[in-house]
């Protein structure tokens, strides 16, 4: 038996013991660099995905994961695929227990979309110490043994504001639509927007609303403040454009420049409404999970992979609308078509100190 296999078996046995003693054990294994697990000659790698909670965006991510993994399975590059969602309401404790259960399956690669970027660090380190290649998705986690694959929230904040400012020629009144206030992504998102607004003295933020990156929530929030506000030219921020437009319509006002969600339903609403005032869509990319699979394959193959891989945010302008409407189902979110070639190009760019570029739309 290889040293990696012995080491993995020992750590997994410890995890099994912990599960039998306390299903919610948090684990305290020290951080390590991990050992990239190599499958036996002629066999594909086994991949497990642990997801912290489910929403529409995450469902698209999970579907993309399963589609890509099954395609690679047909090519012989992947042997087994497991995808599980943690029970409960985004509980780190429950997800930690779920991850330990997945470790008992001895996967070569474990992908984690964490319920908490801090509480799950010890559990991720346990998996690393078991010789499993760990990929953390859609989060910035202080776990050097894992590879982080994510979009940058400050870049998302920029992409969710600058096109609106350009559409109103850098002058006018805006409502700033906040996300989940207090969360790490929203803090980076909002701080970047404040930095940008400091360079636009002719733009007045007449209100801030807490839209939670949800169309129905931001609609209620905008309705609550709109009656006391002057003319509003744009409502940039954390998506929800359909709800914003509906709030303005109910108040008898013209639609401002908004940021639409990237799902088929929202984009169809955009097209059907005939809004051509510079509105756009911007959101993180659920296709990052496909990129992450190829990153894991590259890492196991011994290729140079940075500890953090930051990928571009989805951006949809009016010129791209028909393409995405022909591509997406109603509840599906837009995602870049990552493949081995585009991921290799992204890794080469990052290793050279450049920014990764999104793959061309197909």
Protein backbone atom coordinates (compact mmCIF):
# COMPACT_ATOMS: atom_id res chain seq x y z
CA UNK A 1 0.00 0.00 0.00
CA UNK A 2 1.29 3.47 -0.90
CA UNK A 3 2.17 5.89 1.89
CA UNK A 4 -0.61 8.23 0.71
CA UNK A 5 -3.17 5.43 1.02
CA UNK A 6 -1.94 4.43 4.49
CA UNK A 7 -2.07 8.01 5.66
CA UNK A 8 -5.53 8.54 4.19
CA UNK A 9 -6.87 5.35 5.75
CA UNK A 10 -5.60 6.40 9.16
CA UNK A 11 -7.15 9.83 9.03
CA UNK A 12 -10.44 8.49 7.64
CA UNK A 13 -10.55 5.94 10.43
CA UNK A 14 -10.17 8.77 12.91
CA UNK A 15 -12.99 10.62 11.19
CA UNK A 16 -15.18 7.52 11.41
CA UNK A 17 -14.47 7.27 15.12
CA UNK A 18 -15.38 10.91 15.55
CA UNK A 19 -18.64 10.36 13.70
CA UNK A 20 -19.57 7.45 15.94
CA UNK A 21 -18.85 9.48 19.06
CA UNK A 22 -20.44 12.76 17.98
CA UNK A 23 -22.04 13.45 14.62
CA UNK A 24 -21.42 17.17 15.02
CA UNK A 25 -17.73 16.94 15.93
CA UNK A 26 -15.78 19.87 14.53
CA UNK A 27 -12.34 18.23 14.26
CA UNK A 28 -9.04 19.79 15.37
CA UNK A 29 -6.45 18.34 13.02
CA UNK A 30 -3.55 20.74 12.41
CA UNK A 31 -3.24 22.47 9.08
CA UNK A 32 -1.09 20.74 6.53
CA UNK A 33 -0.18 21.00 2.90
CA UNK A 34 -2.14 17.89 2.00
CA UNK A 35 -0.96 15.14 -0.30
CA UNK A 36 -2.46 15.11 -3.78
CA UNK A 37 -4.07 11.72 -4.14
CA UNK A 38 -3.15 9.87 -7.33
CA UNK A 39 -5.54 7.23 -8.62
CA UNK A 40 -4.26 3.82 -9.61
CA UNK A 41 -2.86 3.50 -13.13
CA UNK A 42 -5.57 3.35 -15.77
CA UNK A 43 -8.33 4.51 -13.44
CA UNK A 44 -10.09 7.85 -13.34
CA UNK A 45 -10.31 9.91 -10.20
CA UNK A 46 -13.28 9.88 -7.84
CA UNK A 47 -14.86 13.25 -7.02
CA UNK A 48 -17.25 14.21 -4.22
CA UNK A 49 -19.04 17.54 -3.85
CA UNK A 50 -20.37 18.88 -0.55
CA UNK A 51 -22.74 21.84 -0.85
CA UNK A 52 -23.72 23.96 2.15
CA UNK A 53 -27.21 25.00 1.03
CA UNK A 54 -29.45 25.09 -2.03
CA UNK A 55 -30.82 28.02 -4.03
CA UNK A 56 -31.35 28.59 -7.76
CA UNK A 57 -27.74 29.61 -8.41
CA UNK A 58 -26.42 26.60 -6.49
CA UNK A 59 -28.76 24.26 -8.39
CA UNK A 60 -27.22 25.46 -11.64
CA UNK A 61 -23.76 24.87 -10.15
CA UNK A 62 -24.67 21.34 -9.05
CA UNK A 63 -26.15 20.52 -12.46
CA UNK A 64 -23.03 21.82 -14.20
CA UNK A 65 -20.87 19.74 -11.86
CA UNK A 66 -22.79 16.56 -12.58
CA UNK A 67 -22.88 17.14 -16.34
CA UNK A 68 -19.14 17.85 -16.56
CA UNK A 69 -18.18 14.99 -14.25
CA UNK A 70 -20.32 12.50 -16.14
CA UNK A 71 -18.77 13.63 -19.44
CA UNK A 72 -15.29 13.12 -17.99
CA UNK A 73 -16.43 9.78 -16.64
CA UNK A 74 -17.31 8.72 -20.18
CA UNK A 75 -13.76 9.70 -21.20
CA UNK A 76 -12.28 7.61 -18.40
CA UNK A 77 -10.83 10.60 -16.57
CA UNK A 78 -13.32 10.32 -13.71
CA UNK A 79 -14.38 7.05 -12.09
CA UNK A 80 -16.98 7.98 -9.47
CA UNK A 81 -19.10 11.10 -8.85
CA UNK A 82 -20.93 11.98 -5.64
CA UNK A 83 -22.92 15.17 -5.00
CA UNK A 84 -24.63 15.86 -1.68
CA UNK A 85 -26.34 18.86 -0.09
CA UNK A 86 -26.03 19.48 3.62
CA UNK A 87 -29.37 19.30 5.45
CA UNK A 88 -30.75 22.23 7.42
CA UNK A 89 -30.39 25.96 6.89
CA UNK A 90 -26.78 26.50 5.85
CA UNK A 91 -25.43 24.82 8.99
CA UNK A 92 -21.65 24.47 9.18
CA UNK A 93 -22.03 21.80 11.88
CA UNK A 94 -24.20 19.64 9.66
CA UNK A 95 -21.94 20.16 6.68
CA UNK A 96 -18.88 19.17 8.72
CA UNK A 97 -20.60 15.89 9.55
CA UNK A 98 -21.49 15.44 5.89
CA UNK A 99 -17.88 16.02 4.79
CA UNK A 100 -16.63 13.40 7.24
CA UNK A 101 -19.15 10.96 5.81
CA UNK A 102 -17.84 11.69 2.33
CA UNK A 103 -14.29 11.11 3.56
CA UNK A 104 -15.30 7.55 4.42
CA UNK A 105 -15.88 7.01 0.69
CA UNK A 106 -12.16 7.77 0.14
CA UNK A 107 -12.55 10.21 -2.79
CA UNK A 108 -9.51 11.46 -4.67
CA UNK A 109 -11.02 14.94 -4.84
CA UNK A 110 -13.36 16.65 -2.40
CA UNK A 111 -15.05 19.87 -3.46
CA UNK A 112 -16.61 21.99 -0.72
CA UNK A 113 -19.00 24.92 -1.11
CA UNK A 114 -18.86 25.94 2.54
CA UNK A 115 -21.69 27.08 4.77
CA UNK A 116 -19.01 28.97 6.71
CA UNK A 117 -15.56 30.00 5.55
CA UNK A 118 -14.25 29.89 9.11
CA UNK A 119 -16.11 27.12 10.97
CA UNK A 120 -15.28 24.51 8.32
CA UNK A 121 -11.52 25.15 8.21
CA UNK A 122 -10.71 22.28 10.64
CA UNK A 123 -12.86 19.85 8.65
CA UNK A 124 -11.20 20.86 5.38
CA UNK A 125 -7.82 20.35 7.01
CA UNK A 126 -8.88 16.86 8.13
CA UNK A 127 -9.65 16.00 4.52
CA UNK A 128 -6.30 17.41 3.37
CA UNK A 129 -4.49 15.39 6.02
CA UNK A 130 -6.25 12.29 4.73
CA UNK A 131 -4.45 12.78 1.41
CA UNK A 132 -7.55 14.07 -0.39
CA UNK A 133 -7.18 16.90 -2.89
CA UNK A 134 -9.55 19.56 -1.57
CA UNK A 135 -11.07 22.33 -3.66
CA UNK A 136 -13.02 25.08 -1.87
CA UNK A 137 -15.54 26.82 -4.13
CA UNK A 138 -17.25 30.20 -4.04
CA UNK A 139 -15.55 31.29 -0.81
CA UNK A 140 -12.34 32.80 0.52
CA UNK A 141 -11.12 30.32 3.16
CA UNK A 142 -7.95 30.45 5.26
CA UNK A 143 -6.99 26.85 4.50
CA UNK A 144 -3.59 26.77 2.76
CA UNK A 145 -3.82 23.03 2.21
CA UNK A 146 -6.83 23.48 -0.09
CA UNK A 147 -7.08 25.12 -3.50
CA UNK A 148 -9.54 28.02 -3.54
CA UNK A 149 -11.57 28.53 -6.73
CA UNK A 150 -13.85 31.54 -6.66
CA UNK A 151 -14.96 34.80 -8.15
CA UNK A 152 -13.73 38.01 -6.52
CA UNK A 153 -16.50 39.80 -4.64
CA UNK A 154 -14.85 43.19 -5.01
CA UNK A 155 -14.73 42.66 -8.78
CA UNK A 156 -18.40 41.66 -8.69
CA UNK A 157 -19.12 44.89 -6.80
CA UNK A 158 -17.30 46.85 -9.49
CA UNK A 159 -19.05 45.01 -12.33
CA UNK A 160 -22.39 45.66 -10.61
CA UNK A 161 -21.84 49.43 -10.43
CA UNK A 162 -19.59 50.84 -13.13
CA UNK A 163 -21.82 50.00 -16.14
CA UNK A 164 -24.70 51.81 -14.41
CA UNK A 165 -22.57 54.89 -13.79
CA UNK A 166 -21.49 54.86 -17.41
CA UNK A 167 -25.10 54.47 -18.56
CA UNK A 168 -26.10 57.66 -16.71
CA UNK A 169 -22.98 59.50 -17.91
CA UNK A 170 -21.55 59.74 -14.41
CA UNK A 171 -24.23 62.07 -13.10
CA UNK A 172 -27.57 61.58 -11.35
CA UNK A 173 -29.36 59.99 -8.43
CA UNK A 174 -28.97 56.32 -7.56
CA UNK A 175 -30.32 53.86 -5.02
CA UNK A 176 -27.62 51.46 -3.91
CA UNK A 177 -28.95 47.91 -3.55
CA UNK A 178 -27.02 46.11 -0.79
CA UNK A 179 -26.61 42.36 -0.39
CA UNK A 180 -26.52 40.34 2.83
CA UNK A 181 -25.15 43.04 5.13
CA UNK A 182 -22.56 41.69 7.56
CA UNK A 183 -21.38 38.87 5.32
CA UNK A 184 -17.80 38.78 4.03
CA UNK A 185 -18.83 38.82 0.34
CA UNK A 186 -21.10 41.81 0.83
CA UNK A 187 -18.42 43.70 2.74
CA UNK A 188 -15.93 43.33 -0.12
CA UNK A 189 -18.67 44.08 -2.66
CA UNK A 190 -19.83 47.25 -0.88
CA UNK A 191 -16.38 48.57 0.03
CA UNK A 192 -15.33 48.43 -3.61
CA UNK A 193 -18.46 50.29 -4.64
CA UNK A 194 -17.77 53.04 -2.09
CA UNK A 195 -14.24 53.40 -3.47
CA UNK A 196 -15.61 53.80 -6.99
CA UNK A 197 -18.33 56.26 -5.99
CA UNK A 198 -15.71 58.51 -4.40
CA UNK A 199 -14.53 59.23 -7.95
CA UNK A 200 -18.03 60.24 -9.11
CA UNK A 201 -18.86 63.53 -7.32
CA UNK A 202 -21.90 64.12 -9.55
CA UNK A 203 -23.56 60.86 -8.53
CA UNK A 204 -25.82 61.14 -5.48
CA UNK A 205 -26.72 58.06 -3.45
CA UNK A 206 -30.24 59.06 -2.42
CA UNK A 207 -30.95 55.79 -0.59
CA UNK A 208 -29.50 52.41 0.28
CA UNK A 209 -31.75 49.35 0.51
CA UNK A 210 -31.01 45.88 1.83
CA UNK A 211 -32.19 43.73 -1.06
CA UNK A 212 -30.42 40.52 0.03
CA UNK A 213 -29.57 39.82 -3.63
CA UNK A 214 -33.19 38.76 -4.06
CA UNK A 215 -35.63 40.25 -6.55
CA UNK A 216 -38.79 40.06 -4.42
CA UNK A 217 -37.00 41.46 -1.36
CA UNK A 218 -35.51 44.43 -3.20
CA UNK A 219 -38.91 45.15 -4.76
CA UNK A 220 -40.43 45.55 -1.29
CA UNK A 221 -37.49 47.61 -0.08
CA UNK A 222 -37.62 49.99 -3.05
CA UNK A 223 -41.40 50.40 -2.76
CA UNK A 224 -40.84 51.41 0.87
CA UNK A 225 -38.50 54.30 0.06
CA UNK A 226 -39.45 55.39 -3.45
CA UNK A 227 -42.29 57.74 -2.48
CA UNK A 228 -39.92 60.07 -0.63
CA UNK A 229 -37.22 60.17 -3.28
CA UNK A 230 -36.57 62.49 -6.23
CA UNK A 231 -36.07 61.14 -9.72
CA UNK A 232 -33.85 58.03 -9.62
CA UNK A 233 -31.62 57.27 -12.60
CA UNK A 234 -30.16 53.92 -11.59
CA UNK A 235 -30.37 51.19 -8.96
CA UNK A 236 -27.04 49.34 -9.15
CA UNK A 237 -25.87 46.71 -6.69
CA UNK A 238 -26.64 43.11 -5.92
CA UNK A 239 -28.87 42.03 -8.83
CA UNK A 240 -32.69 42.02 -8.31
CA UNK A 241 -33.34 44.15 -11.40
CA UNK A 242 -36.71 42.57 -12.15
CA UNK A 243 -38.02 43.48 -8.70
CA UNK A 244 -36.67 47.02 -9.00
CA UNK A 245 -38.39 47.55 -12.35
CA UNK A 246 -41.67 46.23 -10.94
CA UNK A 247 -41.38 48.58 -7.95
CA UNK A 248 -40.93 51.58 -10.25
CA UNK A 249 -43.80 50.47 -12.47
CA UNK A 250 -46.13 50.22 -9.47
CA UNK A 251 -45.15 53.79 -8.53
CA UNK A 252 -45.84 55.03 -12.06
CA UNK A 253 -42.18 55.81 -12.70
CA UNK A 254 -39.97 54.98 -15.64
CA UNK A 255 -37.58 52.09 -15.11
CA UNK A 256 -34.07 53.17 -14.06
CA UNK A 257 -30.85 51.46 -15.08
CA UNK A 258 -30.83 48.18 -13.15
CA UNK A 259 -28.74 45.06 -12.66
CA UNK A 260 -30.66 41.95 -13.66
CA UNK A 261 -30.10 38.44 -12.36
CA UNK A 262 -28.47 36.11 -14.89
CA UNK A 263 -31.18 33.42 -14.91
CA UNK A 264 -33.43 32.76 -17.88
CA UNK A 265 -36.55 34.15 -16.22
CA UNK A 266 -34.96 37.51 -15.40
CA UNK A 267 -33.34 37.85 -18.80
CA UNK A 268 -36.65 37.07 -20.53
CA UNK A 269 -38.34 39.75 -18.40
CA UNK A 270 -35.63 42.19 -19.47
CA UNK A 271 -36.20 41.45 -23.15
CA UNK A 272 -40.02 41.45 -22.90
CA UNK A 273 -39.96 44.79 -21.06
CA UNK A 274 -38.01 46.39 -23.89
CA UNK A 275 -35.63 48.06 -21.44
CA UNK A 276 -32.75 49.55 -23.44
CA UNK A 277 -31.44 52.24 -21.11
CA UNK A 278 -28.07 50.64 -20.41
CA UNK A 279 -29.30 48.03 -17.95
CA UNK A 280 -27.24 44.84 -17.73
CA UNK A 281 -26.76 41.64 -15.73
CA UNK A 282 -23.82 40.73 -13.50
CA UNK A 283 -23.38 37.82 -11.12
CA UNK A 284 -20.86 35.26 -9.95
CA UNK A 285 -20.35 32.26 -12.22
CA UNK A 286 -21.81 28.85 -11.23
CA UNK A 287 -19.64 27.42 -14.00
CA UNK A 288 -16.65 27.86 -11.69
CA UNK A 289 -17.36 24.30 -10.52
CA UNK A 290 -16.52 22.96 -13.99
CA UNK A 291 -13.30 24.93 -13.96
CA UNK A 292 -12.62 23.48 -10.51
CA UNK A 293 -12.87 19.91 -11.80
CA UNK A 294 -10.22 20.61 -14.44
CA UNK A 295 -8.10 22.40 -11.83
CA UNK A 296 -8.28 19.31 -9.62
CA UNK A 297 -7.24 17.10 -12.54
CA UNK A 298 -4.32 19.41 -13.27
CA UNK A 299 -3.25 19.42 -9.64
CA UNK A 300 -3.33 15.64 -9.37
CA UNK A 301 -1.35 15.43 -12.62
CA UNK A 302 1.39 17.50 -10.96
CA UNK A 303 0.85 20.67 -12.93
CA UNK A 304 1.48 24.08 -11.38
CA UNK A 305 -1.73 25.24 -9.71
CA UNK A 306 -1.83 28.38 -7.54
CA UNK A 307 -3.37 28.11 -4.08
CA UNK A 308 -6.10 30.55 -5.11
CA UNK A 309 -7.70 30.70 -8.55
CA UNK A 310 -9.87 33.79 -9.09
CA UNK A 311 -12.12 33.58 -12.13
CA UNK A 312 -14.14 36.29 -13.91
CA UNK A 313 -17.71 37.28 -13.06
CA UNK A 314 -20.55 36.75 -15.52
CA UNK A 315 -21.45 39.96 -17.38
CA UNK A 316 -24.38 40.23 -19.79
CA UNK A 317 -25.07 43.32 -21.87
CA UNK A 318 -27.97 43.96 -24.20
CA UNK A 319 -25.97 42.66 -27.15
CA UNK A 320 -25.56 39.28 -25.39
CA UNK A 321 -29.20 38.92 -24.37
CA UNK A 322 -30.42 36.79 -27.29
CA UNK A 323 -27.46 34.42 -26.97
CA UNK A 324 -28.24 33.69 -23.34
CA UNK A 325 -31.99 33.41 -23.90
CA UNK A 326 -31.31 30.75 -26.52
CA UNK A 327 -28.95 28.97 -24.12
CA UNK A 328 -30.68 29.03 -20.72
CA UNK A 329 -33.67 27.28 -19.23
CA UNK A 330 -36.07 29.47 -17.22
CA UNK A 331 -34.49 28.72 -13.83
CA UNK A 332 -30.94 28.23 -15.06
CA UNK A 333 -28.24 30.82 -14.37
CA UNK A 334 -25.68 31.87 -16.96
CA UNK A 335 -22.29 30.19 -16.67
CA UNK A 336 -19.12 30.34 -18.71
CA UNK A 337 -18.32 27.24 -20.81
CA UNK A 338 -15.14 26.22 -19.00
CA UNK A 339 -13.20 23.29 -20.44
CA UNK A 340 -9.66 21.93 -20.18
CA UNK A 341 -8.27 24.38 -22.71
CA UNK A 342 -9.81 27.50 -21.16
CA UNK A 343 -8.84 26.41 -17.65
CA UNK A 344 -5.25 25.82 -18.76
CA UNK A 345 -5.21 29.33 -20.23
CA UNK A 346 -6.61 30.74 -16.98
CA UNK A 347 -4.00 28.93 -14.86
CA UNK A 348 -1.20 30.07 -17.17
CA UNK A 349 -2.40 33.68 -16.85
CA UNK A 350 -2.61 33.53 -13.06
CA UNK A 351 0.80 31.86 -12.75
CA UNK A 352 2.20 34.68 -14.90
CA UNK A 353 0.68 37.31 -12.61
CA UNK A 354 -2.15 38.21 -14.97
CA UNK A 355 -5.93 38.07 -14.64
CA UNK A 356 -7.78 34.99 -15.85
CA UNK A 357 -9.94 35.61 -18.90
CA UNK A 358 -13.36 34.04 -19.40
CA UNK A 359 -13.70 31.45 -22.16
CA UNK A 360 -15.39 32.47 -25.38
CA UNK A 361 -19.13 31.86 -25.51
CA UNK A 362 -20.10 28.90 -27.67
